[in-house]
Amino acid sequence: MLRPAEIHPRRSRERFGSRNLDLWAYQRGVTLDFSRAGKPTDNAFIESFNGKFRSECLNAHWFMCLAHATEKCDAWCRDYNEVRPHSAIGNKPRPRSSNGQRRTDPADRNKPENLVLA
């Protein structure tokens, strides 16, 4: 089972306050790296991605039910991950490896062009 090495919650530990999340992360060896309150530049790549997702997907549709939301979000994710050009790699879609999976350098895993949503 794949799991992240780190999770970057938006809120500081004091504001987030989830003992369940702390326990889950501890049991799985996942590091929780909290951003400082009011410092979106601490996690600029995901903030950029969140802005794109909100403006291009969430704000663009009026979801009538969970199935409709899932359909639209899945379509947006496929486009984002497989079709859309990314400026960081010369305005090309992300390359695929020989097994058909998108390749991502672990050092670049948090960059918006490397996010893979499922």
Protein backbone atom coordinates (compact mmCIF):
# COMPACT_ATOMS: atom_id res chain seq x y z
CA MET A 1 0.00 0.00 0.00
CA LEU A 2 1.39 3.38 -0.98
CA ARG A 3 1.39 6.15 1.58
CA PRO A 4 2.87 9.63 1.67
CA ALA A 5 6.15 10.35 3.45
CA GLU A 6 4.78 13.71 4.57
CA ILE A 7 1.42 15.44 4.81
CA HIS A 8 1.14 19.21 4.82
CA PRO A 9 -2.15 20.16 6.53
CA ARG A 10 -3.23 23.75 5.97
CA ARG A 11 -3.70 24.61 9.63
CA SER A 12 -1.17 24.74 12.42
CA ARG A 13 -1.24 21.91 14.94
CA GLU A 14 -2.95 24.13 17.53
CA ARG A 15 -5.77 25.06 15.18
CA PHE A 16 -6.06 21.66 13.53
CA GLY A 17 -6.12 19.72 16.79
CA SER A 18 -6.84 16.25 15.40
CA ARG A 19 -5.57 13.51 17.67
CA ASN A 20 -6.88 10.96 15.18
CA LEU A 21 -4.68 12.40 12.42
CA ASP A 22 -1.67 12.45 14.76
CA LEU A 23 -2.26 8.83 15.73
CA TRP A 24 -2.82 7.73 12.11
CA ALA A 25 0.39 9.45 10.98
CA TYR A 26 2.44 8.08 13.88
CA GLN A 27 1.28 4.50 13.28
CA ARG A 28 2.26 4.74 9.62
CA GLY A 29 5.51 6.67 9.96
CA VAL A 30 4.09 9.70 8.15
CA THR A 31 5.47 13.13 9.05
CA LEU A 32 2.96 15.93 9.59
CA ASP A 33 4.51 19.20 8.44
CA PHE A 34 2.25 22.07 9.46
CA SER A 35 2.44 25.43 7.74
CA ARG A 36 2.71 28.54 9.85
CA ALA A 37 -0.59 30.38 10.19
CA GLY A 38 -0.92 33.12 7.58
CA LYS A 39 2.10 31.92 5.59
CA PRO A 40 0.80 30.38 2.33
CA THR A 41 4.33 30.54 0.92
CA ASP A 42 5.27 27.70 3.30
CA ASN A 43 3.38 25.42 0.91
CA ALA A 44 3.27 27.48 -2.27
CA PHE A 45 2.99 24.57 -4.71
CA ILE A 46 -0.16 23.13 -3.16
CA GLU A 47 -1.63 26.61 -2.67
CA SER A 48 -1.15 27.16 -6.42
CA PHE A 49 -2.74 23.80 -7.21
CA ASN A 50 -5.67 24.47 -4.86
CA GLY A 51 -6.30 27.79 -6.61
CA LYS A 52 -6.34 26.14 -10.04
CA PHE A 53 -8.62 23.33 -8.85
CA ARG A 54 -11.03 25.78 -7.23
CA SER A 55 -11.22 28.19 -10.19
CA GLU A 56 -11.14 25.63 -13.02
CA CYS A 57 -13.25 22.85 -11.51
CA LEU A 58 -15.12 23.64 -8.31
CA ASN A 59 -16.23 27.16 -9.26
CA ALA A 60 -16.99 26.13 -12.84
CA HIS A 61 -19.73 23.64 -11.93
CA TRP A 62 -22.90 23.55 -9.87
CA PHE A 63 -22.83 20.03 -8.47
CA MET A 64 -26.26 18.44 -8.11
CA CYS A 65 -25.15 15.32 -6.22
CA LEU A 66 -22.02 13.48 -5.12
CA ALA A 67 -21.94 11.38 -8.31
CA HIS A 68 -22.02 14.54 -10.45
CA ALA A 69 -19.22 16.12 -8.38
CA THR A 70 -17.14 12.95 -8.64
CA GLU A 71 -17.63 12.79 -12.41
CA LYS A 72 -16.59 16.42 -12.96
CA CYS A 73 -13.65 16.28 -10.54
CA ASP A 74 -12.38 13.00 -12.05
CA ALA A 75 -12.55 14.50 -15.54
CA TRP A 76 -10.65 17.59 -14.39
CA CYS A 77 -8.00 15.42 -12.70
CA ARG A 78 -7.51 13.30 -15.83
CA ASP A 79 -7.07 16.45 -17.90
CA TYR A 80 -4.70 17.97 -15.32
CA ASN A 81 -2.57 14.83 -15.03
CA GLU A 82 -2.63 13.51 -18.61
CA VAL A 83 -3.43 16.24 -21.12
CA ARG A 84 -2.76 19.73 -19.86
CA PRO A 85 0.66 21.25 -20.54
CA HIS A 86 2.75 22.28 -17.54
CA SER A 87 5.00 25.33 -17.79
CA ALA A 88 7.66 23.81 -15.51
CA ILE A 89 8.39 21.13 -18.13
CA GLY A 90 8.30 23.27 -21.26
CA ASN A 91 4.52 23.48 -21.70
CA LYS A 92 4.22 19.75 -22.35
CA PRO A 93 2.01 17.16 -20.66
CA ARG A 94 3.71 15.11 -17.98
CA PRO A 95 5.63 12.19 -19.52
CA ARG A 96 4.60 8.57 -19.00
CA SER A 97 6.96 5.77 -18.03
CA SER A 98 7.14 2.48 -19.91
CA ASN A 99 4.37 1.00 -17.71
CA GLY A 100 2.00 3.89 -18.50
CA GLN A 101 2.35 5.63 -15.15
CA ARG A 102 3.29 9.29 -14.89
CA ARG A 103 6.93 9.69 -13.85
CA THR A 104 7.73 11.92 -10.91
CA ASP A 105 11.09 12.64 -9.34
CA PRO A 106 10.57 12.22 -5.58
CA ALA A 107 12.30 15.56 -5.00
CA ASP A 108 9.59 17.24 -7.09
CA ARG A 109 6.57 15.39 -5.66
CA ASN A 110 4.92 18.51 -4.23
CA LYS A 111 5.11 20.59 -7.40
CA PRO A 112 1.67 21.15 -8.94
CA GLU A 113 2.64 19.57 -12.25
CA ASN A 114 3.48 16.34 -10.40
CA LEU A 115 0.31 15.98 -8.36
CA VAL A 116 -1.61 12.85 -9.18
CA LEU A 117 -5.16 12.85 -7.94
CA ALA A 118 -7.18 9.71 -7.64
